[in-house]
C-alpha atoms as a PDB file:
ATOM      1  CA  MET A   1     -31.946-141.756  78.652  1.00  0.00           C
ATOM      2  CA  THR A   2     -30.860-138.335  80.999  1.00  0.00           C
ATOM      3  CA  TYR A   3     -33.068-137.499  84.168  1.00  0.00           C
ATOM      4  CA  GLN A   4     -33.614-134.187  83.962  1.00  0.00           C
ATOM      5  CA  ASN A   5     -33.906-131.928  88.103  1.00  0.00           C
ATOM      6  CA  ASP A   6     -38.144-132.344  88.077  1.00  0.00           C
ATOM      7  CA  SER A   7     -41.098-132.310  90.814  1.00  0.00           C
ATOM      8  CA  GLN A   8     -39.748-135.904  91.460  1.00  0.00           C
ATOM      9  CA  GLY A   9     -36.706-134.755  93.543  1.00  0.00           C
ATOM     10  CA  GLY A  10     -33.900-135.835  89.611  1.00  0.00           C
ATOM     11  CA  SER A  11     -33.319-139.635  89.376  1.00  0.00           C
ATOM     12  CA  ARG A  12     -33.625-140.415  92.623  1.00  0.00           C
ATOM     13  CA  GLY A  13     -37.247-141.086  91.486  1.00  0.00           C
ATOM     14  CA  GLY A  14     -38.531-138.563  94.249  1.00  0.00           C
ATOM     15  CA  PHE A  15     -37.336-139.016  97.532  1.00  0.00           C
ATOM     16  CA  GLY A  16     -35.695-135.887  97.960  1.00  0.00           C
ATOM     17  CA  GLY A  17     -32.101-137.143  99.847  1.00  0.00           C
ATOM     18  CA  GLY A  18     -33.507-139.615 102.408  1.00  0.00           C
ATOM     19  CA  PHE A  19     -35.776-140.033 104.768  1.00  0.00           C
ATOM     20  CA  ARG A  20     -34.596-137.700 107.480  1.00  0.00           C
ATOM     21  CA  SER A  21     -34.298-134.729 104.300  1.00  0.00           C
ATOM     22  CA  GLN A  22     -37.580-133.624 106.396  1.00  0.00           C
ATOM     23  CA  GLY A  23     -37.099-132.911 109.843  1.00  0.00           C
ATOM     24  CA  PRO A  24     -37.964-134.793 113.445  1.00  0.00           C
ATOM     25  CA  ARG A  25     -40.803-137.257 113.089  1.00  0.00           C
ATOM     26  CA  PRO A  26     -43.501-135.479 114.864  1.00  0.00           C
ATOM     27  CA  MET A  27     -45.371-136.956 117.595  1.00  0.00           C
ATOM     28  CA  ILE A  28     -48.070-139.437 118.820  1.00  0.00           C
ATOM     29  CA  ASP A  29     -49.584-138.812 122.308  1.00  0.00           C
ATOM     30  CA  VAL A  30     -50.321-142.359 123.570  1.00  0.00           C
ATOM     31  CA  THR A  31     -51.404-141.620 127.127  1.00  0.00           C
ATOM     32  CA  SER A  32     -54.742-142.895 127.182  1.00  0.00           C
ATOM     33  CA  MET A  33     -53.899-146.218 125.969  1.00  0.00           C
ATOM     34  CA  ASN A  34     -51.196-147.059 129.087  1.00  0.00           C
ATOM     35  CA  ILE A  35     -48.321-148.658 127.262  1.00  0.00           C
ATOM     36  CA  THR A  36     -45.764-149.953 129.622  1.00  0.00           C
ATOM     37  CA  CYS A  37     -42.451-151.338 127.364  1.00  0.00           C
ATOM     38  CA  CYS A  38     -41.738-155.096 126.849  1.00  0.00           C
ATOM     39  CA  ASP A  39     -38.981-155.378 128.464  1.00  0.00           C
ATOM     40  CA  CYS A  40     -38.542-152.958 131.552  1.00  0.00           C
ATOM     41  CA  SER A  41     -42.579-151.842 132.010  1.00  0.00           C
ATOM     42  CA  THR A  42     -41.733-147.767 132.069  1.00  0.00           C
ATOM     43  CA  PRO A  43     -45.197-145.958 130.846  1.00  0.00           C
ATOM     44  CA  ILE A  44     -44.578-145.066 127.563  1.00  0.00           C
ATOM     45  CA  THR A  45     -46.484-141.512 126.833  1.00  0.00           C
ATOM     46  CA  GLN A  46     -45.187-140.178 122.773  1.00  0.00           C
ATOM     47  CA  LEU A  47     -44.448-142.812 120.347  1.00  0.00           C
ATOM     48  CA  PRO A  48     -43.113-141.296 116.552  1.00  0.00           C
ATOM     49  CA  PHE A  49     -46.591-143.674 114.753  1.00  0.00           C
ATOM     50  CA  ASN A  50     -49.479-144.309 115.464  1.00  0.00           C
ATOM     51  CA  PRO A  51     -49.262-147.897 117.428  1.00  0.00           C
ATOM     52  CA  ASP A  52     -51.099-151.363 116.442  1.00  0.00           C
ATOM     53  CA  PRO A  53     -53.711-151.598 119.175  1.00  0.00           C
ATOM     54  CA  ASN A  54     -53.080-155.510 118.300  1.00  0.00           C
ATOM     55  CA  ARG A  55     -49.159-155.350 119.022  1.00  0.00           C
ATOM     56  CA  LEU A  56     -49.759-152.620 122.147  1.00  0.00           C
ATOM     57  CA  ASN A  57     -47.069-155.471 123.922  1.00  0.00           C
ATOM     58  CA  THR A  58     -43.951-155.804 121.441  1.00  0.00           C
ATOM     59  CA  ILE A  59     -43.597-151.918 122.186  1.00  0.00           C
ATOM     60  CA  ARG A  60     -40.395-150.926 123.732  1.00  0.00           C
ATOM     61  CA  CYS A  61     -39.537-147.438 124.988  1.00  0.00           C
ATOM     62  CA  ARG A  62     -36.563-145.368 123.714  1.00  0.00           C
ATOM     63  CA  ASP A  63     -33.678-147.136 126.031  1.00  0.00           C
ATOM     64  CA  CYS A  64     -34.570-151.019 125.443  1.00  0.00           C
ATOM     65  CA  LEU A  65     -34.703-150.532 121.900  1.00  0.00           C
ATOM     66  CA  ARG A  66     -31.549-149.126 121.465  1.00  0.00           C
ATOM     67  CA  LYS A  67     -29.681-152.091 123.538  1.00  0.00           C
ATOM     68  CA  SER A  68     -31.589-154.345 120.843  1.00  0.00           C
ATOM     69  CA  ARG A  69     -30.474-153.495 117.923  1.00  0.00           C
ATOM     70  CA  PRO A  70     -27.304-154.288 117.118  1.00  0.00           C
ATOM     71  CA  PRO A  71     -24.203-152.286 116.509  1.00  0.00           C
ATOM     72  CA  ARG A  72     -23.823-150.494 114.380  1.00  0.00           C
ATOM     73  CA  TYR A  73     -20.235-150.669 112.137  1.00  0.00           C
END
């Protein structure tokens, strides 16, 4: 079976080269929700996703999110 370069991205199953190929994600203004970082209490005004109202107390700011991730090797 051979794969051809078709509208689904060839043999990759429609992913088109990865998730980052479409450019930066649009940011959503969440100022009216009064969200603060769960670690440092910094106000959060924009997020790259629609937050789940049941999980607002688990959102971290960009700096705290980077600190909490394991190092990349």
